[in-house]
mmCIF file of all heavy atoms, coordinates in Angstrom:
data_MODEL
# 
_entry.id   MODEL 
# 
loop_
_atom_site.group_PDB 
_atom_site.id 
_atom_site.type_symbol 
_atom_site.label_atom_id 
_atom_site.label_alt_id 
_atom_site.label_comp_id 
_atom_site.label_asym_id 
_atom_site.label_entity_id 
_atom_site.label_seq_id 
_atom_site.pdbx_PDB_ins_code 
_atom_site.Cartn_x 
_atom_site.Cartn_y 
_atom_site.Cartn_z 
_atom_site.occupancy 
_atom_site.B_iso_or_equiv 
_atom_site.pdbx_formal_charge 
_atom_site.auth_seq_id 
_atom_site.auth_comp_id 
_atom_site.auth_asym_id 
_atom_site.auth_atom_id 
_atom_site.pdbx_PDB_model_num 
ATOM 1   N N   . ALA A 1 1  ? 17.234 16.542 -2.341  1.00 0.00 ? 1  ALA A N   1 
ATOM 2   C CA  . ALA A 1 1  ? 18.348 15.646 -2.601  1.00 0.00 ? 1  ALA A CA  1 
ATOM 3   C C   . ALA A 1 1  ? 17.999 14.815 -3.911  1.00 0.00 ? 1  ALA A C   1 
ATOM 4   O O   . ALA A 1 1  ? 18.859 14.468 -4.651  1.00 0.00 ? 1  ALA A O   1 
ATOM 5   C CB  . ALA A 1 1  ? 18.586 14.712 -1.369  1.00 0.00 ? 1  ALA A CB  1 
ATOM 6   N N   . VAL A 1 2  ? 16.777 14.342 -3.939  1.00 0.00 ? 2  VAL A N   1 
ATOM 7   C CA  . VAL A 1 2  ? 16.295 13.508 -5.072  1.00 0.00 ? 2  VAL A CA  1 
ATOM 8   C C   . VAL A 1 2  ? 16.401 14.246 -6.327  1.00 0.00 ? 2  VAL A C   1 
ATOM 9   O O   . VAL A 1 2  ? 16.929 13.731 -7.385  1.00 0.00 ? 2  VAL A O   1 
ATOM 10  C CB  . VAL A 1 2  ? 14.931 12.909 -4.828  1.00 0.00 ? 2  VAL A CB  1 
ATOM 11  C CG1 . VAL A 1 2  ? 14.302 12.353 -6.142  1.00 0.00 ? 2  VAL A CG1 1 
ATOM 12  C CG2 . VAL A 1 2  ? 14.915 11.965 -3.732  1.00 0.00 ? 2  VAL A CG2 1 
ATOM 13  N N   . ALA A 1 3  ? 15.949 15.577 -6.414  1.00 0.00 ? 3  ALA A N   1 
ATOM 14  C CA  . ALA A 1 3  ? 16.016 16.381 -7.536  1.00 0.00 ? 3  ALA A CA  1 
ATOM 15  C C   . ALA A 1 3  ? 17.472 16.598 -8.028  1.00 0.00 ? 3  ALA A C   1 
ATOM 16  O O   . ALA A 1 3  ? 17.668 16.452 -9.210  1.00 0.00 ? 3  ALA A O   1 
ATOM 17  C CB  . ALA A 1 3  ? 15.302 17.709 -7.229  1.00 0.00 ? 3  ALA A CB  1 
ATOM 18  N N   . ALA A 1 4  ? 18.314 16.824 -7.047  1.00 0.00 ? 4  ALA A N   1 
ATOM 19  C CA  . ALA A 1 4  ? 19.789 17.058 -7.449  1.00 0.00 ? 4  ALA A CA  1 
ATOM 20  C C   . ALA A 1 4  ? 20.355 15.810 -8.028  1.00 0.00 ? 4  ALA A C   1 
ATOM 21  O O   . ALA A 1 4  ? 21.071 15.853 -9.026  1.00 0.00 ? 4  ALA A O   1 
ATOM 22  C CB  . ALA A 1 4  ? 20.504 17.602 -6.264  1.00 0.00 ? 4  ALA A CB  1 
ATOM 23  N N   . ALA A 1 5  ? 20.061 14.660 -7.423  1.00 0.00 ? 5  ALA A N   1 
ATOM 24  C CA  . ALA A 1 5  ? 20.651 13.378 -7.836  1.00 0.00 ? 5  ALA A CA  1 
ATOM 25  C C   . ALA A 1 5  ? 20.184 12.998 -9.238  1.00 0.00 ? 5  ALA A C   1 
ATOM 26  O O   . ALA A 1 5  ? 20.915 12.520 -10.004 1.00 0.00 ? 5  ALA A O   1 
ATOM 27  C CB  . ALA A 1 5  ? 20.313 12.290 -6.781  1.00 0.00 ? 5  ALA A CB  1 
ATOM 28  N N   . LEU A 1 6  ? 18.870 13.183 -9.483  1.00 0.00 ? 6  LEU A N   1 
ATOM 29  C CA  . LEU A 1 6  ? 18.394 12.867 -10.770 1.00 0.00 ? 6  LEU A CA  1 
ATOM 30  C C   . LEU A 1 6  ? 18.893 13.664 -11.891 1.00 0.00 ? 6  LEU A C   1 
ATOM 31  O O   . LEU A 1 6  ? 19.229 13.273 -12.915 1.00 0.00 ? 6  LEU A O   1 
ATOM 32  C CB  . LEU A 1 6  ? 16.896 12.880 -10.746 1.00 0.00 ? 6  LEU A CB  1 
ATOM 33  C CG  . LEU A 1 6  ? 16.186 11.760 -9.911  1.00 0.00 ? 6  LEU A CG  1 
ATOM 34  C CD1 . LEU A 1 6  ? 14.693 12.026 -9.710  1.00 0.00 ? 6  LEU A CD1 1 
ATOM 35  C CD2 . LEU A 1 6  ? 16.307 10.399 -10.738 1.00 0.00 ? 6  LEU A CD2 1 
ATOM 36  N N   . ALA A 1 7  ? 19.042 15.034 -11.570 1.00 0.00 ? 7  ALA A N   1 
ATOM 37  C CA  . ALA A 1 7  ? 19.730 15.940 -12.550 1.00 0.00 ? 7  ALA A CA  1 
ATOM 38  C C   . ALA A 1 7  ? 21.101 15.517 -12.801 1.00 0.00 ? 7  ALA A C   1 
ATOM 39  O O   . ALA A 1 7  ? 21.559 15.471 -14.034 1.00 0.00 ? 7  ALA A O   1 
ATOM 40  C CB  . ALA A 1 7  ? 19.517 17.294 -12.035 1.00 0.00 ? 7  ALA A CB  1 
ATOM 41  N N   . HIS A 1 8  ? 21.896 15.193 -11.811 1.00 0.00 ? 8  HIS A N   1 
ATOM 42  C CA  . HIS A 1 8  ? 23.200 14.733 -11.946 1.00 0.00 ? 8  HIS A CA  1 
ATOM 43  C C   . HIS A 1 8  ? 23.377 13.420 -12.687 1.00 0.00 ? 8  HIS A C   1 
ATOM 44  O O   . HIS A 1 8  ? 24.333 13.190 -13.392 1.00 0.00 ? 8  HIS A O   1 
ATOM 45  C CB  . HIS A 1 8  ? 23.852 14.625 -10.585 1.00 0.00 ? 8  HIS A CB  1 
ATOM 46  C CG  . HIS A 1 8  ? 25.336 14.306 -10.532 1.00 0.00 ? 8  HIS A CG  1 
ATOM 47  N ND1 . HIS A 1 8  ? 26.367 15.134 -11.010 1.00 0.00 ? 8  HIS A ND1 1 
ATOM 48  C CD2 . HIS A 1 8  ? 25.954 13.056 -10.348 1.00 0.00 ? 8  HIS A CD2 1 
ATOM 49  C CE1 . HIS A 1 8  ? 27.527 14.541 -10.996 1.00 0.00 ? 8  HIS A CE1 1 
ATOM 50  N NE2 . HIS A 1 8  ? 27.349 13.323 -10.567 1.00 0.00 ? 8  HIS A NE2 1 
ATOM 51  N N   . ALA A 1 9  ? 22.309 12.586 -12.555 1.00 0.00 ? 9  ALA A N   1 
ATOM 52  C CA  . ALA A 1 9  ? 22.256 11.278 -13.273 1.00 0.00 ? 9  ALA A CA  1 
ATOM 53  C C   . ALA A 1 9  ? 21.878 11.342 -14.732 1.00 0.00 ? 9  ALA A C   1 
ATOM 54  O O   . ALA A 1 9  ? 21.822 10.260 -15.398 1.00 0.00 ? 9  ALA A O   1 
ATOM 55  C CB  . ALA A 1 9  ? 21.457 10.287 -12.468 1.00 0.00 ? 9  ALA A CB  1 
ATOM 56  N N   . GLY A 1 10 ? 21.510 12.508 -15.185 1.00 0.00 ? 10 GLY A N   1 
ATOM 57  C CA  . GLY A 1 10 ? 21.307 12.679 -16.577 1.00 0.00 ? 10 GLY A CA  1 
ATOM 58  C C   . GLY A 1 10 ? 19.844 12.940 -16.998 1.00 0.00 ? 10 GLY A C   1 
ATOM 59  O O   . GLY A 1 10 ? 19.573 12.838 -18.242 1.00 0.00 ? 10 GLY A O   1 
ATOM 60  N N   . ALA A 1 11 ? 19.055 13.308 -16.080 1.00 0.00 ? 11 ALA A N   1 
ATOM 61  C CA  . ALA A 1 11 ? 17.659 13.614 -16.412 1.00 0.00 ? 11 ALA A CA  1 
ATOM 62  C C   . ALA A 1 11 ? 17.666 14.896 -17.349 1.00 0.00 ? 11 ALA A C   1 
ATOM 63  O O   . ALA A 1 11 ? 18.441 15.802 -17.166 1.00 0.00 ? 11 ALA A O   1 
ATOM 64  C CB  . ALA A 1 11 ? 16.817 13.879 -15.152 1.00 0.00 ? 11 ALA A CB  1 
ATOM 65  N N   . ALA A 1 12 ? 16.807 14.904 -18.275 1.00 0.00 ? 12 ALA A N   1 
ATOM 66  C CA  . ALA A 1 12 ? 16.684 16.040 -19.174 1.00 0.00 ? 12 ALA A CA  1 
ATOM 67  C C   . ALA A 1 12 ? 16.092 17.277 -18.587 1.00 0.00 ? 12 ALA A C   1 
ATOM 68  O O   . ALA A 1 12 ? 16.439 18.382 -18.890 1.00 0.00 ? 12 ALA A O   1 
ATOM 69  C CB  . ALA A 1 12 ? 15.914 15.616 -20.489 1.00 0.00 ? 12 ALA A CB  1 
ATOM 70  N N   . GLU A 1 13 ? 15.124 16.999 -17.672 1.00 0.00 ? 13 GLU A N   1 
ATOM 71  C CA  . GLU A 1 13 ? 14.466 18.131 -16.983 1.00 0.00 ? 13 GLU A CA  1 
ATOM 72  C C   . GLU A 1 13 ? 13.946 17.608 -15.641 1.00 0.00 ? 13 GLU A C   1 
ATOM 73  O O   . GLU A 1 13 ? 13.585 16.539 -15.480 1.00 0.00 ? 13 GLU A O   1 
ATOM 74  C CB  . GLU A 1 13 ? 13.250 18.502 -17.791 1.00 0.00 ? 13 GLU A CB  1 
ATOM 75  C CG  . GLU A 1 13 ? 12.328 19.545 -17.206 1.00 0.00 ? 13 GLU A CG  1 
ATOM 76  C CD  . GLU A 1 13 ? 11.055 19.846 -17.918 1.00 0.00 ? 13 GLU A CD  1 
ATOM 77  O OE1 . GLU A 1 13 ? 11.074 20.542 -18.830 1.00 0.00 ? 13 GLU A OE1 1 
ATOM 78  O OE2 . GLU A 1 13 ? 10.017 19.171 -17.646 1.00 0.00 ? 13 GLU A OE2 1 
ATOM 79  N N   . VAL A 1 14 ? 14.120 18.496 -14.631 1.00 0.00 ? 14 VAL A N   1 
ATOM 80  C CA  . VAL A 1 14 ? 13.662 18.177 -13.315 1.00 0.00 ? 14 VAL A CA  1 
ATOM 81  C C   . VAL A 1 14 ? 12.792 19.344 -12.717 1.00 0.00 ? 14 VAL A C   1 
ATOM 82  O O   . VAL A 1 14 ? 13.308 20.421 -12.629 1.00 0.00 ? 14 VAL A O   1 
ATOM 83  C CB  . VAL A 1 14 ? 14.833 17.865 -12.312 1.00 0.00 ? 14 VAL A CB  1 
ATOM 84  C CG1 . VAL A 1 14 ? 14.296 17.565 -10.885 1.00 0.00 ? 14 VAL A CG1 1 
ATOM 85  C CG2 . VAL A 1 14 ? 15.662 16.658 -12.787 1.00 0.00 ? 14 VAL A CG2 1 
ATOM 86  N N   . ARG A 1 15 ? 11.565 19.019 -12.478 1.00 0.00 ? 15 ARG A N   1 
ATOM 87  C CA  . ARG A 1 15 ? 10.633 20.082 -11.903 1.00 0.00 ? 15 ARG A CA  1 
ATOM 88  C C   . ARG A 1 15 ? 10.410 19.641 -10.505 1.00 0.00 ? 15 ARG A C   1 
ATOM 89  O O   . ARG A 1 15 ? 10.211 18.517 -10.112 1.00 0.00 ? 15 ARG A O   1 
ATOM 90  C CB  . ARG A 1 15 ? 9.451  20.147 -12.659 1.00 0.00 ? 15 ARG A CB  1 
ATOM 91  C CG  . ARG A 1 15 ? 9.461  20.762 -14.034 1.00 0.00 ? 15 ARG A CG  1 
ATOM 92  C CD  . ARG A 1 15 ? 8.158  20.995 -14.571 1.00 0.00 ? 15 ARG A CD  1 
ATOM 93  N NE  . ARG A 1 15 ? 7.460  19.660 -14.907 1.00 0.00 ? 15 ARG A NE  1 
ATOM 94  C CZ  . ARG A 1 15 ? 6.228  19.464 -14.682 1.00 0.00 ? 15 ARG A CZ  1 
ATOM 95  N NH1 . ARG A 1 15 ? 5.331  20.400 -14.083 1.00 0.00 ? 15 ARG A NH1 1 
ATOM 96  N NH2 . ARG A 1 15 ? 5.626  18.300 -15.057 1.00 0.00 ? 15 ARG A NH2 1 
ATOM 97  N N   . VAL A 1 16 ? 10.361 20.607 -9.552  1.00 0.00 ? 16 VAL A N   1 
ATOM 98  C CA  . VAL A 1 16 ? 10.021 20.402 -8.117  1.00 0.00 ? 16 VAL A CA  1 
ATOM 99  C C   . VAL A 1 16 ? 8.788  21.193 -7.879  1.00 0.00 ? 16 VAL A C   1 
ATOM 100 O O   . VAL A 1 16 ? 8.722  22.401 -8.089  1.00 0.00 ? 16 VAL A O   1 
ATOM 101 C CB  . VAL A 1 16 ? 11.157 20.779 -7.221  1.00 0.00 ? 16 VAL A CB  1 
ATOM 102 C CG1 . VAL A 1 16 ? 10.811 20.529 -5.784  1.00 0.00 ? 16 VAL A CG1 1 
ATOM 103 C CG2 . VAL A 1 16 ? 12.397 19.857 -7.586  1.00 0.00 ? 16 VAL A CG2 1 
ATOM 104 N N   . ALA A 1 17 ? 7.814  20.545 -7.241  1.00 0.00 ? 17 ALA A N   1 
ATOM 105 C CA  . ALA A 1 17 ? 6.509  21.148 -6.937  1.00 0.00 ? 17 ALA A CA  1 
ATOM 106 C C   . ALA A 1 17 ? 6.191  20.944 -5.420  1.00 0.00 ? 17 ALA A C   1 
ATOM 107 O O   . ALA A 1 17 ? 6.410  19.862 -4.873  1.00 0.00 ? 17 ALA A O   1 
ATOM 108 C CB  . ALA A 1 17 ? 5.338  20.639 -7.783  1.00 0.00 ? 17 ALA A CB  1 
ATOM 109 N N   . SER A 1 18 ? 5.767  22.026 -4.813  1.00 0.00 ? 18 SER A N   1 
ATOM 110 C CA  . SER A 1 18 ? 5.492  21.958 -3.332  1.00 0.00 ? 18 SER A CA  1 
ATOM 111 C C   . SER A 1 18 ? 4.002  22.197 -3.087  1.00 0.00 ? 18 SER A C   1 
ATOM 112 O O   . SER A 1 18 ? 3.292  22.867 -3.890  1.00 0.00 ? 18 SER A O   1 
ATOM 113 C CB  . SER A 1 18 ? 6.255  23.059 -2.626  1.00 0.00 ? 18 SER A CB  1 
ATOM 114 O OG  . SER A 1 18 ? 5.774  23.233 -1.294  1.00 0.00 ? 18 SER A OG  1 
ATOM 115 N N   . ARG A 1 19 ? 3.483  21.581 -2.038  1.00 0.00 ? 19 ARG A N   1 
ATOM 116 C CA  . ARG A 1 19 ? 2.111  21.812 -1.632  1.00 0.00 ? 19 ARG A CA  1 
ATOM 117 C C   . ARG A 1 19 ? 1.893  23.209 -1.283  1.00 0.00 ? 19 ARG A C   1 
ATOM 118 O O   . ARG A 1 19 ? 0.658  23.665 -1.294  1.00 0.00 ? 19 ARG A O   1 
ATOM 119 C CB  . ARG A 1 19 ? 1.699  20.833 -0.483  1.00 0.00 ? 19 ARG A CB  1 
ATOM 120 C CG  . ARG A 1 19 ? 1.680  19.362 -0.882  1.00 0.00 ? 19 ARG A CG  1 
ATOM 121 C CD  . ARG A 1 19 ? 1.114  18.481 0.226   1.00 0.00 ? 19 ARG A CD  1 
ATOM 122 N NE  . ARG A 1 19 ? 2.259  18.427 1.236   1.00 0.00 ? 19 ARG A NE  1 
ATOM 123 C CZ  . ARG A 1 19 ? 2.017  17.966 2.502   1.00 0.00 ? 19 ARG A CZ  1 
ATOM 124 N NH1 . ARG A 1 19 ? 0.855  17.487 2.877   1.00 0.00 ? 19 ARG A NH1 1 
ATOM 125 N NH2 . ARG A 1 19 ? 3.050  17.840 3.324   1.00 0.00 ? 19 ARG A NH2 1 
ATOM 126 N N   . ARG A 1 20 ? 2.876  24.063 -1.157  1.00 0.00 ? 20 ARG A N   1 
ATOM 127 C CA  . ARG A 1 20 ? 2.681  25.450 -0.768  1.00 0.00 ? 20 ARG A CA  1 
ATOM 128 C C   . ARG A 1 20 ? 2.568  26.320 -1.976  1.00 0.00 ? 20 ARG A C   1 
ATOM 129 O O   . ARG A 1 20 ? 2.289  27.455 -1.925  1.00 0.00 ? 20 ARG A O   1 
ATOM 130 C CB  . ARG A 1 20 ? 3.879  25.941 0.139   1.00 0.00 ? 20 ARG A CB  1 
ATOM 131 C CG  . ARG A 1 20 ? 3.973  25.324 1.420   1.00 0.00 ? 20 ARG A CG  1 
ATOM 132 C CD  . ARG A 1 20 ? 4.979  26.057 2.380   1.00 0.00 ? 20 ARG A CD  1 
ATOM 133 N NE  . ARG A 1 20 ? 6.342  25.873 1.902   1.00 0.00 ? 20 ARG A NE  1 
ATOM 134 C CZ  . ARG A 1 20 ? 7.205  24.949 2.321   1.00 0.00 ? 20 ARG A CZ  1 
ATOM 135 N NH1 . ARG A 1 20 ? 6.757  24.093 3.206   1.00 0.00 ? 20 ARG A NH1 1 
ATOM 136 N NH2 . ARG A 1 20 ? 8.383  24.941 1.842   1.00 0.00 ? 20 ARG A NH2 1 
ATOM 137 N N   . ASP A 1 21 ? 2.781  25.669 -3.237  1.00 0.00 ? 21 ASP A N   1 
ATOM 138 C CA  . ASP A 1 21 ? 2.688  26.402 -4.501  1.00 0.00 ? 21 ASP A CA  1 
ATOM 139 C C   . ASP A 1 21 ? 1.245  26.725 -4.797  1.00 0.00 ? 21 ASP A C   1 
ATOM 140 O O   . ASP A 1 21 ? 0.291  26.052 -4.399  1.00 0.00 ? 21 ASP A O   1 
ATOM 141 C CB  . ASP A 1 21 ? 3.328  25.631 -5.607  1.00 0.00 ? 21 ASP A CB  1 
ATOM 142 C CG  . ASP A 1 21 ? 4.793  25.447 -5.471  1.00 0.00 ? 21 ASP A CG  1 
ATOM 143 O OD1 . ASP A 1 21 ? 5.458  26.071 -4.623  1.00 0.00 ? 21 ASP A OD1 1 
ATOM 144 O OD2 . ASP A 1 21 ? 5.290  24.461 -6.049  1.00 0.00 ? 21 ASP A OD2 1 
ATOM 145 N N   . ASP A 1 22 ? 1.065  27.900 -5.405  1.00 0.00 ? 22 ASP A N   1 
ATOM 146 C CA  . ASP A 1 22 ? -0.307 28.302 -5.771  1.00 0.00 ? 22 ASP A CA  1 
ATOM 147 C C   . ASP A 1 22 ? -0.968 27.392 -6.775  1.00 0.00 ? 22 ASP A C   1 
ATOM 148 O O   . ASP A 1 22 ? -2.215 27.223 -6.817  1.00 0.00 ? 22 ASP A O   1 
ATOM 149 C CB  . ASP A 1 22 ? -0.348 29.735 -6.354  1.00 0.00 ? 22 ASP A CB  1 
ATOM 150 C CG  . ASP A 1 22 ? 0.177  30.797 -5.275  1.00 0.00 ? 22 ASP A CG  1 
ATOM 151 O OD1 . ASP A 1 22 ? -0.062 30.513 -4.065  1.00 0.00 ? 22 ASP A OD1 1 
ATOM 152 O OD2 . ASP A 1 22 ? 0.667  31.744 -5.725  1.00 0.00 ? 22 ASP A OD2 1 
ATOM 153 N N   . ASP A 1 23 ? -0.169 26.776 -7.655  1.00 0.00 ? 23 ASP A N   1 
ATOM 154 C CA  . ASP A 1 23 ? -0.730 25.927 -8.668  1.00 0.00 ? 23 ASP A CA  1 
ATOM 155 C C   . ASP A 1 23 ? -0.677 24.411 -8.330  1.00 0.00 ? 23 ASP A C   1 
ATOM 156 O O   . ASP A 1 23 ? -0.681 23.615 -9.158  1.00 0.00 ? 23 ASP A O   1 
ATOM 157 C CB  . ASP A 1 23 ? 0.025  26.129 -9.982  1.00 0.00 ? 23 ASP A CB  1 
ATOM 158 C CG  . ASP A 1 23 ? 1.544  25.855 -9.843  1.00 0.00 ? 23 ASP A CG  1 
ATOM 159 O OD1 . ASP A 1 23 ? 1.971  25.659 -8.787  1.00 0.00 ? 23 ASP A OD1 1 
ATOM 160 O OD2 . ASP A 1 23 ? 2.177  25.787 -10.860 1.00 0.00 ? 23 ASP A OD2 1 
ATOM 161 N N   . TRP A 1 24 ? -0.729 24.074 -6.996  1.00 0.00 ? 24 TRP A N   1 
ATOM 162 C CA  . TRP A 1 24 ? -0.730 22.690 -6.517  1.00 0.00 ? 24 TRP A CA  1 
ATOM 163 C C   . TRP A 1 24 ? -2.138 22.217 -6.762  1.00 0.00 ? 24 TRP A C   1 
ATOM 164 O O   . TRP A 1 24 ? -3.010 22.879 -6.477  1.00 0.00 ? 24 TRP A O   1 
ATOM 165 C CB  . TRP A 1 24 ? -0.369 22.655 -5.073  1.00 0.00 ? 24 TRP A CB  1 
ATOM 166 C CG  . TRP A 1 24 ? -0.438 21.248 -4.510  1.00 0.00 ? 24 TRP A CG  1 
ATOM 167 C CD1 . TRP A 1 24 ? -1.562 20.633 -3.929  1.00 0.00 ? 24 TRP A CD1 1 
ATOM 168 C CD2 . TRP A 1 24 ? 0.600  20.249 -4.625  1.00 0.00 ? 24 TRP A CD2 1 
ATOM 169 N NE1 . TRP A 1 24 ? -1.261 19.372 -3.605  1.00 0.00 ? 24 TRP A NE1 1 
ATOM 170 C CE2 . TRP A 1 24 ? 0.070  19.006 -3.933  1.00 0.00 ? 24 TRP A CE2 1 
ATOM 171 C CE3 . TRP A 1 24 ? 1.901  20.159 -5.085  1.00 0.00 ? 24 TRP A CE3 1 
ATOM 172 C CZ2 . TRP A 1 24 ? 0.819  17.901 -3.866  1.00 0.00 ? 24 TRP A CZ2 1 
ATOM 173 C CZ3 . TRP A 1 24 ? 2.633  19.027 -4.982  1.00 0.00 ? 24 TRP A CZ3 1 
ATOM 174 C CH2 . TRP A 1 24 ? 2.069  17.894 -4.255  1.00 0.00 ? 24 TRP A CH2 1 
ATOM 175 N N   . PRO A 1 25 ? -2.291 20.892 -7.275  1.00 0.00 ? 25 PRO A N   1 
ATOM 176 C CA  . PRO A 1 25 ? -1.198 20.040 -7.631  1.00 0.00 ? 25 PRO A CA  1 
ATOM 177 C C   . PRO A 1 25 ? -0.775 20.265 -9.074  1.00 0.00 ? 25 PRO A C   1 
ATOM 178 O O   . PRO A 1 25 ? -1.572 20.841 -9.906  1.00 0.00 ? 25 PRO A O   1 
ATOM 179 C CB  . PRO A 1 25 ? -1.994 18.706 -7.566  1.00 0.00 ? 25 PRO A CB  1 
ATOM 180 C CG  . PRO A 1 25 ? -3.409 18.837 -7.874  1.00 0.00 ? 25 PRO A CG  1 
ATOM 181 C CD  . PRO A 1 25 ? -3.638 20.296 -7.220  1.00 0.00 ? 25 PRO A CD  1 
ATOM 182 N N   . PRO A 1 26 ? 0.455  19.930 -9.414  1.00 0.00 ? 26 PRO A N   1 
ATOM 183 C CA  . PRO A 1 26 ? 0.989  20.186 -10.718 1.00 0.00 ? 26 PRO A CA  1 
ATOM 184 C C   . PRO A 1 26 ? 0.424  19.255 -11.718 1.00 0.00 ? 26 PRO A C   1 
ATOM 185 O O   . PRO A 1 26 ? -0.028 18.174 -11.360 1.00 0.00 ? 26 PRO A O   1 
ATOM 186 C CB  . PRO A 1 26 ? 2.509  20.116 -10.491 1.00 0.00 ? 26 PRO A CB  1 
ATOM 187 C CG  . PRO A 1 26 ? 2.589  19.002 -9.409  1.00 0.00 ? 26 PRO A CG  1 
ATOM 188 C CD  . PRO A 1 26 ? 1.418  19.349 -8.492  1.00 0.00 ? 26 PRO A CD  1 
ATOM 189 N N   . ASP A 1 27 ? 0.665  19.580 -12.995 1.00 0.00 ? 27 ASP A N   1 
ATOM 190 C CA  . ASP A 1 27 ? 0.317  18.668 -14.033 1.00 0.00 ? 27 ASP A CA  1 
ATOM 191 C C   . ASP A 1 27 ? 1.466  17.724 -14.338 1.00 0.00 ? 27 ASP A C   1 
ATOM 192 O O   . ASP A 1 27 ? 2.578  18.099 -14.603 1.00 0.00 ? 27 ASP A O   1 
ATOM 193 C CB  . ASP A 1 27 ? -0.020 19.459 -15.356 1.00 0.00 ? 27 ASP A CB  1 
ATOM 194 C CG  . ASP A 1 27 ? -0.432 18.592 -16.505 1.00 0.00 ? 27 ASP A CG  1 
ATOM 195 O OD1 . ASP A 1 27 ? -0.505 17.366 -16.299 1.00 0.00 ? 27 ASP A OD1 1 
ATOM 196 O OD2 . ASP A 1 27 ? -0.703 19.138 -17.548 1.00 0.00 ? 27 ASP A OD2 1 
ATOM 197 N N   . GLY A 1 28 ? 1.341  16.440 -14.147 1.00 0.00 ? 28 GLY A N   1 
ATOM 198 C CA  . GLY A 1 28 ? 2.423  15.487 -14.292 1.00 0.00 ? 28 GLY A CA  1 
ATOM 199 C C   . GLY A 1 28 ? 2.222  14.589 -15.547 1.00 0.00 ? 28 GLY A C   1 
ATOM 200 O O   . GLY A 1 28 ? 2.925  13.596 -15.747 1.00 0.00 ? 28 GLY A O   1 
ATOM 201 N N   . ALA A 1 29 ? 1.389  15.075 -16.470 1.00 0.00 ? 29 ALA A N   1 
ATOM 202 C CA  . ALA A 1 29 ? 1.082  14.256 -17.653 1.00 0.00 ? 29 ALA A CA  1 
ATOM 203 C C   . ALA A 1 29 ? 2.292  14.052 -18.499 1.00 0.00 ? 29 ALA A C   1 
ATOM 204 O O   . ALA A 1 29 ? 2.406  12.946 -19.148 1.00 0.00 ? 29 ALA A O   1 
ATOM 205 C CB  . ALA A 1 29 ? -0.108 14.843 -18.475 1.00 0.00 ? 29 ALA A CB  1 
# 
């Protein structure tokens, strides 16, 4: 819900990362 709302509000890019992903934790720099 948050990802969709931020994209709709004009964010240039929205990435979603899950703890189930192989590359967790993601780079947030």
